[in-house]
Amino acid sequence: MNIKIERLPENQLKPLYQDPSQLGFGKVFTDYMFSMDYYKGKGWTEPKISQYAPMNIGPAAVVLHYSQEIFEGLKAYAAEDGRILLFRPEENAKRMYDSAERMCMAPFPIEYFLESVTTLVNLEKRWIPRAEGTSLYIRPTLIGTGDALGVHPADDYLFFVILTPVSAYFKEGFKPISLYVEDYYIRAAVGGVGNAKTGGNYAASLLAGAKAQEKGFSQVLWLDAHEKKYVEEVGAMNIFFVFGKKLVTPNLGGSILPGITRKSVIELAKTIGYEVEERQISIDEVLAGIKDGSLTESFGSGTAAVISPVGSLNFKGENYTINNYQVGDITRELYTKLLDLQYGRAKDPFGWVKEIGRL
C-alpha cells in the first residue's frame, strides 16, 4: 500500500498519560487512526493515516441497520531492549478475513492488515506504555457503509484501526475473578455467527453481563444454546479447566470464538508437558470436579486479559469455589511464560513474536 500520512503539528499532539497504572482499558486514544475504503467495482483504495476523529457515515449505512461489522484485538508490547513487538498478528489478520467472509463482507487483505497495523503503531510508538502489565491495544474494525436500506450486503466498506494504551483488562489484575454461569440467555448457536468476531455477539451478551456485574461477578460463563448444558466461553475470554496435569477446554464447534490466546495456551501447554483436551465439557462435570477436588484450577484466556484466573463459579444461586480462590500453579506458569514471550523476555521457539520497529 501507498499509505498517505497526514501528520499533525507538534503542538496539536495529545499529552501522554501521567500514570500508566491508571490507564484502565479503552479509555485513552492516540493521535492518529488508519482508514481505507472499499467501493464495489473498484476494490480497496485510499489508505491513509489521519487524526483520530469522528467518522462521517450516512444515516442509512448498512452497519447501522443490519450490523455488518467485525473487529479484531491485538497488542503492541515494549520490550526492555526497546523493540516494538506484536504477538501473532497474522492470526488476527486471518481471523478477520474469515469473519468477513462469514458476515458476507469484502475481506480486508491479510497483507494490508499487517502493513496498516505496523505503520500506525510505529507512527504512534510514543504511546506504547512501559510499565509492568501495560501495552498498546490495537483495534482494527471493518464496517458496511453506503446509503441503502434493505436486507442485503453493503456495496461499500470502511476498514479502520485505532489505538489505546491500556493496563489490566480486569480491575482485579492477575487475581482470581468470579464468574456467573448463565442458564437462560444465550450468546450464540451452532450455525450462527458465534465463531466470527462480530459486534452482534457482544451486544447479545450485554444484558446478562450487566446483571452478572450487578450481582458482583466479573463476567458471564455461557452455556450452549441447544441444551444449556455444555460450557462454551466467557464474555471476553475462552475458558480452561485444569484437572491435575490435564487442561480441558471446550472444542470449537461453530459457536465459540477461535481465540488466538486460546490457541497459544494449548500449544504452549503441550510443549511444557501438559495434556490438553479440546472437547465438550458439561457444567455438571465442572461442578462435580470442583466438589470432589479433581478440578484443581480454572482460567480464561484472551488478548485483552491474556490469562485470568477463575476463583469461583456461581450456578443457580450456589457458589462453587475453585482452589480456595487462589491462583493455581499451572495458571501462573502459563501466564508467566506467555507474558515473557509477548514482552520479549524469553526466547521464542514458536516464531510467534514479530519485531516491527524500535522505540
Protein backbone atom coordinates (compact mmCIF):
# COMPACT_ATOMS: atom_id res chain seq x y z
CA MET A 1 0.00 0.00 0.00
CA ASN A 2 0.99 3.61 -0.53
CA ILE A 3 -0.29 4.96 2.77
CA LYS A 4 -0.86 8.70 2.89
CA ILE A 5 0.11 10.10 6.29
CA GLU A 6 -1.49 13.38 7.34
CA ARG A 7 0.84 14.50 10.12
CA LEU A 8 -0.30 16.82 12.85
CA PRO A 9 1.72 19.83 14.03
CA GLU A 10 3.68 19.05 17.17
CA ASN A 11 1.56 21.43 19.26
CA GLN A 12 -1.63 19.54 18.33
CA LEU A 13 -0.46 16.18 19.67
CA LYS A 14 -2.17 14.97 22.84
CA PRO A 15 -0.25 14.89 26.11
CA LEU A 16 0.74 11.43 27.28
CA TYR A 17 -0.83 9.82 30.34
CA GLN A 18 0.87 10.54 33.66
CA ASP A 19 0.36 7.24 35.48
CA PRO A 20 0.30 4.10 33.25
CA SER A 21 -1.21 2.01 36.05
CA GLN A 22 -4.32 4.20 35.94
CA LEU A 23 -4.94 3.87 32.21
CA GLY A 24 -7.74 1.35 32.54
CA PHE A 25 -8.86 -0.30 29.32
CA GLY A 26 -10.00 1.52 26.19
CA LYS A 27 -10.39 4.96 27.75
CA VAL A 28 -7.46 6.88 26.23
CA PHE A 29 -6.91 7.06 22.47
CA THR A 30 -3.85 8.08 20.49
CA ASP A 31 -3.46 10.92 18.00
CA TYR A 32 -3.89 9.02 14.75
CA MET A 33 -6.02 6.35 13.10
CA PHE A 34 -5.69 4.34 9.89
CA SER A 35 -8.55 4.10 7.40
CA MET A 36 -9.17 2.61 3.96
CA ASP A 37 -12.31 2.44 1.81
CA TYR A 38 -13.74 -0.30 -0.36
CA TYR A 39 -16.05 0.50 -3.27
CA LYS A 40 -17.86 -2.09 -5.34
CA GLY A 41 -16.18 -2.41 -8.71
CA LYS A 42 -13.13 -0.50 -7.52
CA GLY A 43 -11.85 -2.52 -4.57
CA TRP A 44 -9.75 -1.26 -1.66
CA THR A 45 -8.48 2.27 -2.12
CA GLU A 46 -7.26 5.47 -0.43
CA PRO A 47 -5.25 4.10 2.52
CA LYS A 48 -4.41 6.91 4.92
CA ILE A 49 -3.39 7.75 8.45
CA SER A 50 -5.08 10.85 9.77
CA GLN A 51 -6.11 12.44 13.06
CA TYR A 52 -8.23 10.33 15.41
CA ALA A 53 -11.62 11.97 14.94
CA PRO A 54 -15.34 11.22 14.42
CA MET A 55 -16.13 9.48 11.14
CA ASN A 56 -18.69 10.57 8.58
CA ILE A 57 -21.09 7.79 7.56
CA GLY A 58 -24.61 8.11 6.25
CA PRO A 59 -27.71 7.52 8.40
CA ALA A 60 -28.65 4.63 6.10
CA ALA A 61 -25.25 2.91 6.34
CA VAL A 62 -25.66 -0.86 6.40
CA VAL A 63 -23.71 -1.20 9.66
CA LEU A 64 -26.30 0.92 11.50
CA HIS A 65 -29.31 -1.10 10.36
CA TYR A 66 -28.09 -4.64 9.70
CA SER A 67 -24.98 -4.86 11.89
CA GLN A 68 -22.45 -5.71 9.19
CA GLU A 69 -19.45 -5.18 11.42
CA ILE A 70 -16.43 -7.15 12.57
CA PHE A 71 -13.35 -6.28 14.58
CA GLU A 72 -10.11 -7.62 15.99
CA GLY A 73 -7.95 -7.02 19.03
CA LEU A 74 -4.20 -7.36 19.40
CA LYS A 75 -1.44 -5.59 21.31
CA ALA A 76 1.92 -3.93 20.77
CA TYR A 77 4.45 -4.53 23.54
CA ALA A 78 7.55 -2.57 24.55
CA ALA A 79 10.46 -4.92 25.13
CA GLU A 80 13.08 -3.96 27.70
CA ASP A 81 15.68 -3.51 24.93
CA GLY A 82 13.48 -1.06 23.00
CA ARG A 83 11.97 -3.42 20.44
CA ILE A 84 8.32 -2.99 19.49
CA LEU A 85 6.68 -6.42 19.41
CA LEU A 86 3.41 -7.85 18.11
CA PHE A 87 2.13 -11.26 19.15
CA ARG A 88 0.94 -13.48 16.28
CA PRO A 89 -0.58 -10.61 14.24
CA GLU A 90 -1.04 -12.82 11.20
CA GLU A 91 -3.51 -14.90 13.21
CA ASN A 92 -5.62 -11.80 13.82
CA ALA A 93 -5.43 -10.92 10.15
CA LYS A 94 -6.57 -14.41 9.14
CA ARG A 95 -9.40 -14.47 11.67
CA MET A 96 -10.64 -11.10 10.48
CA TYR A 97 -10.60 -12.38 6.92
CA ASP A 98 -12.66 -15.41 7.98
CA SER A 99 -15.07 -13.24 9.98
CA ALA A 100 -15.61 -11.02 6.94
CA GLU A 101 -16.49 -14.00 4.77
CA ARG A 102 -18.99 -15.25 7.37
CA MET A 103 -20.61 -11.81 7.57
CA CYS A 104 -20.76 -11.54 3.78
CA MET A 105 -18.34 -8.60 3.73
CA ALA A 106 -15.47 -7.68 1.47
CA PRO A 107 -12.49 -9.26 3.29
CA PHE A 108 -9.59 -6.98 4.11
CA PRO A 109 -6.41 -8.49 2.61
CA ILE A 110 -4.09 -10.07 5.16
CA GLU A 111 -1.02 -8.23 3.88
CA TYR A 112 -2.89 -4.90 4.10
CA PHE A 113 -3.92 -5.69 7.67
CA LEU A 114 -0.33 -6.31 8.73
CA GLU A 115 1.01 -3.24 6.94
CA SER A 116 -1.64 -0.90 8.28
CA VAL A 117 -1.11 -2.05 11.88
CA THR A 118 2.67 -1.94 11.62
CA THR A 119 2.73 1.53 10.06
CA LEU A 120 0.27 3.03 12.54
CA VAL A 121 1.93 1.54 15.62
CA ASN A 122 5.35 2.80 14.54
CA LEU A 123 3.95 6.28 13.98
CA GLU A 124 2.34 6.19 17.45
CA LYS A 125 5.18 4.44 19.29
CA ARG A 126 5.46 7.20 21.91
CA TRP A 127 2.11 5.92 23.22
CA ILE A 128 3.35 2.40 23.98
CA PRO A 129 3.47 2.22 27.80
CA ARG A 130 6.39 0.51 29.52
CA ALA A 131 5.01 -0.19 32.99
CA GLU A 132 4.52 -3.82 34.02
CA GLY A 133 1.36 -5.31 32.52
CA THR A 134 0.68 -2.42 30.16
CA SER A 135 0.59 -2.42 26.35
CA LEU A 136 -0.83 -0.61 23.34
CA TYR A 137 -4.14 -2.21 22.38
CA ILE A 138 -4.91 -2.27 18.65
CA ARG A 139 -8.49 -2.33 17.39
CA PRO A 140 -8.91 -3.00 13.63
CA THR A 141 -12.57 -2.73 12.54
CA LEU A 142 -14.49 -3.32 9.32
CA ILE A 143 -17.97 -1.88 8.75
CA GLY A 144 -20.52 -1.84 5.94
CA THR A 145 -21.16 1.69 4.69
CA GLY A 146 -23.14 3.27 1.83
CA ASP A 147 -26.65 4.70 1.99
CA ALA A 148 -29.11 1.93 1.10
CA LEU A 149 -31.86 0.29 3.11
CA GLY A 150 -32.89 -3.32 2.51
CA VAL A 151 -31.53 -6.56 3.94
CA HIS A 152 -28.53 -7.19 1.72
CA PRO A 153 -24.74 -6.93 1.99
CA ALA A 154 -23.22 -3.49 1.67
CA ASP A 155 -21.59 -2.41 -1.58
CA ASP A 156 -19.05 -0.23 0.24
CA TYR A 157 -16.92 -0.81 3.33
CA LEU A 158 -14.65 1.07 5.66
CA PHE A 159 -11.68 -0.52 7.41
CA PHE A 160 -10.05 1.44 10.21
CA VAL A 161 -7.58 0.94 13.05
CA ILE A 162 -7.50 2.82 16.35
CA LEU A 163 -5.05 2.51 19.26
CA THR A 164 -5.43 2.80 23.02
CA PRO A 165 -2.73 2.40 25.70
CA VAL A 166 -4.05 0.03 28.37
CA SER A 167 -3.35 -1.50 31.73
CA ALA A 168 -5.10 -4.63 33.03
CA TYR A 169 -8.46 -5.53 31.46
CA PHE A 170 -9.92 -6.66 34.77
CA LYS A 171 -9.55 -4.22 37.65
CA GLU A 172 -8.52 -7.20 39.80
CA GLY A 173 -5.36 -7.61 37.71
CA PHE A 174 -3.82 -11.09 37.87
CA LYS A 175 -6.08 -12.23 40.67
CA PRO A 176 -8.97 -14.71 40.65
CA ILE A 177 -12.30 -13.49 39.33
CA SER A 178 -15.82 -14.79 39.92
CA LEU A 179 -17.99 -15.95 37.03
CA TYR A 180 -21.77 -16.18 36.82
CA VAL A 181 -22.97 -19.21 34.86
CA GLU A 182 -25.85 -18.04 32.66
CA ASP A 183 -28.54 -20.69 32.20
CA TYR A 184 -31.25 -18.64 30.46
CA TYR A 185 -29.76 -16.20 27.96
CA ILE A 186 -27.51 -17.49 25.18
CA ARG A 187 -24.56 -15.92 23.41
CA ALA A 188 -24.55 -17.85 20.13
CA ALA A 189 -25.76 -21.04 18.47
CA VAL A 190 -24.14 -23.51 16.11
CA GLY A 191 -24.86 -22.34 12.59
CA GLY A 192 -24.92 -18.71 13.71
CA VAL A 193 -22.03 -16.28 13.92
CA GLY A 194 -20.53 -17.26 17.27
CA ASN A 195 -17.20 -18.12 15.64
CA ALA A 196 -16.95 -14.68 13.97
CA LYS A 197 -15.68 -11.66 15.87
CA THR A 198 -18.72 -9.51 15.16
CA GLY A 199 -20.25 -6.85 17.35
CA GLY A 200 -23.65 -8.53 17.45
CA ASN A 201 -22.28 -11.37 19.55
CA TYR A 202 -21.15 -8.89 22.18
CA ALA A 203 -24.38 -6.88 22.03
CA ALA A 204 -26.29 -10.11 22.73
CA SER A 205 -24.16 -10.64 25.83
CA LEU A 206 -24.58 -7.21 27.40
CA LEU A 207 -27.79 -7.78 29.36
CA ALA A 208 -26.60 -10.96 31.02
CA GLY A 209 -23.22 -9.36 31.64
CA ALA A 210 -24.79 -6.31 33.28
CA LYS A 211 -26.94 -8.50 35.52
CA ALA A 212 -23.92 -10.57 36.50
CA GLN A 213 -21.95 -7.46 37.42
CA GLU A 214 -24.88 -6.13 39.47
CA LYS A 215 -24.61 -9.34 41.49
CA GLY A 216 -20.89 -8.83 42.00
CA PHE A 217 -19.46 -11.12 39.30
CA SER A 218 -16.78 -10.14 36.80
CA GLN A 219 -18.13 -11.93 33.73
CA VAL A 220 -20.65 -14.44 32.42
CA LEU A 221 -19.79 -18.06 31.65
CA TRP A 222 -22.01 -19.10 28.74
CA LEU A 223 -23.60 -22.49 28.14
CA ASP A 224 -24.58 -23.96 24.78
CA ALA A 225 -27.76 -22.69 23.13
CA HIS A 226 -29.32 -26.10 22.42
CA GLU A 227 -29.24 -27.94 25.75
CA LYS A 228 -27.84 -25.25 28.06
CA LYS A 229 -25.66 -27.98 29.42
CA TYR A 230 -22.21 -27.62 27.90
CA VAL A 231 -19.74 -24.87 28.77
CA GLU A 232 -18.80 -22.60 25.87
CA GLU A 233 -16.86 -19.43 26.70
CA VAL A 234 -16.71 -16.36 28.93
CA GLY A 235 -17.86 -12.95 27.72
CA ALA A 236 -14.35 -11.75 26.83
CA MET A 237 -12.35 -14.97 27.01
CA ASN A 238 -12.15 -18.64 26.21
CA ILE A 239 -12.22 -20.92 29.26
CA PHE A 240 -9.92 -23.67 30.55
CA PHE A 241 -10.36 -26.17 33.36
CA VAL A 242 -7.40 -27.94 34.94
CA PHE A 243 -7.72 -31.50 36.22
CA GLY A 244 -4.37 -32.29 37.83
CA LYS A 245 -1.92 -32.06 34.91
CA LYS A 246 -4.59 -32.02 32.22
CA LEU A 247 -6.16 -28.94 30.65
CA VAL A 248 -9.68 -29.22 29.26
CA THR A 249 -11.22 -26.52 27.07
CA PRO A 250 -14.45 -26.56 25.03
CA ASN A 251 -13.87 -27.62 21.45
CA LEU A 252 -14.56 -25.17 18.63
CA GLY A 253 -17.93 -26.30 17.32
CA GLY A 254 -19.01 -23.20 15.41
CA SER A 255 -20.46 -21.20 18.29
CA ILE A 256 -17.20 -20.37 20.08
CA LEU A 257 -14.70 -17.73 19.01
CA PRO A 258 -11.38 -19.33 17.96
CA GLY A 259 -9.23 -17.34 20.35
CA ILE A 260 -5.61 -16.67 19.42
CA THR A 261 -4.55 -16.69 23.07
CA ARG A 262 -6.54 -19.93 23.47
CA LYS A 263 -4.60 -21.46 20.57
CA SER A 264 -1.32 -20.23 22.05
CA VAL A 265 -2.11 -21.63 25.51
CA ILE A 266 -2.87 -25.04 24.01
CA GLU A 267 0.37 -25.13 22.02
CA LEU A 268 2.45 -23.78 24.90
CA ALA A 269 0.96 -26.19 27.45
CA LYS A 270 1.73 -29.17 25.24
CA THR A 271 5.38 -28.16 24.88
CA ILE A 272 5.67 -27.88 28.67
CA GLY A 273 4.31 -31.40 29.00
CA TYR A 274 0.69 -30.96 29.97
CA GLU A 275 -2.08 -32.96 28.38
CA VAL A 276 -4.72 -30.86 26.62
CA GLU A 277 -8.20 -31.98 25.68
CA GLU A 278 -10.48 -29.99 23.39
CA ARG A 279 -13.93 -31.45 23.92
CA GLN A 280 -17.41 -30.81 25.17
CA ILE A 281 -17.48 -30.37 28.92
CA SER A 282 -20.75 -30.05 30.78
CA ILE A 283 -21.36 -27.68 33.63
CA ASP A 284 -22.30 -30.75 35.70
CA GLU A 285 -18.84 -32.24 35.10
CA VAL A 286 -17.21 -28.94 36.05
CA LEU A 287 -19.18 -28.59 39.28
CA ALA A 288 -18.63 -32.24 40.20
CA GLY A 289 -14.90 -31.72 39.67
CA ILE A 290 -14.92 -28.72 41.97
CA LYS A 291 -16.82 -30.65 44.65
CA ASP A 292 -14.60 -33.75 44.63
CA GLY A 293 -11.38 -31.79 44.18
CA SER A 294 -10.41 -33.28 40.81
CA LEU A 295 -10.82 -29.86 39.15
CA THR A 296 -7.86 -28.03 40.62
CA GLU A 297 -7.74 -24.77 38.63
CA SER A 298 -9.59 -22.73 36.02
CA PHE A 299 -8.65 -19.71 33.93
CA GLY A 300 -9.81 -17.64 30.99
CA SER A 301 -7.67 -16.65 28.02
CA GLY A 302 -7.94 -13.73 25.63
CA THR A 303 -5.96 -10.89 24.08
CA ALA A 304 -7.38 -8.26 26.43
CA ALA A 305 -6.95 -10.17 29.70
CA VAL A 306 -4.19 -12.58 28.49
CA ILE A 307 -4.82 -15.15 31.25
CA SER A 308 -7.26 -14.52 34.08
CA PRO A 309 -7.53 -16.98 36.99
CA VAL A 310 -11.07 -18.06 37.88
CA GLY A 311 -11.69 -18.37 41.62
CA SER A 312 -15.36 -19.28 41.69
CA LEU A 313 -18.45 -20.11 39.65
CA ASN A 314 -22.00 -19.29 40.62
CA PHE A 315 -24.66 -21.58 39.19
CA LYS A 316 -28.36 -21.41 40.06
CA GLY A 317 -27.64 -19.35 43.15
CA GLU A 318 -24.95 -21.64 44.56
CA ASN A 319 -21.31 -20.62 44.74
CA TYR A 320 -18.51 -23.08 43.88
CA THR A 321 -15.00 -22.07 44.94
CA ILE A 322 -12.01 -23.27 42.94
CA ASN A 323 -8.60 -23.84 44.58
CA ASN A 324 -9.59 -21.88 47.68
CA TYR A 325 -9.89 -18.80 45.47
CA GLN A 326 -6.14 -18.83 44.88
CA VAL A 327 -4.14 -18.63 41.65
CA GLY A 328 -3.11 -22.15 40.64
CA ASP A 329 0.45 -23.15 39.82
CA ILE A 330 -0.32 -24.15 36.22
CA THR A 331 -2.30 -20.97 35.61
CA ARG A 332 0.58 -18.87 36.93
CA GLU A 333 3.16 -20.82 34.93
CA LEU A 334 1.28 -20.39 31.64
CA TYR A 335 0.62 -16.72 32.37
CA THR A 336 4.27 -16.04 33.14
CA LYS A 337 5.61 -17.93 30.13
CA LEU A 338 3.12 -16.30 27.78
CA LEU A 339 3.91 -12.78 29.02
CA ASP A 340 7.65 -13.45 28.84
CA LEU A 341 7.18 -14.30 25.16
CA GLN A 342 4.94 -11.31 24.45
CA TYR A 343 7.30 -8.82 26.09
CA GLY A 344 10.40 -10.37 24.55
CA ARG A 345 11.84 -11.53 27.86
CA ALA A 346 12.17 -15.15 26.70
CA LYS A 347 13.37 -16.85 23.55
CA ASP A 348 10.55 -17.53 21.11
CA PRO A 349 10.82 -21.09 19.74
CA PHE A 350 7.44 -20.78 18.01
CA GLY A 351 8.03 -17.74 15.81
CA TRP A 352 5.02 -16.02 17.39
CA VAL A 353 6.62 -12.67 18.26
CA LYS A 354 7.16 -10.14 15.46
CA GLU A 355 9.51 -7.20 15.83
CA ILE A 356 8.09 -4.28 13.87
CA GLY A 357 10.30 -1.40 14.98
CA ARG A 358 12.10 0.23 17.87
CA LEU A 359 11.08 2.80 20.44
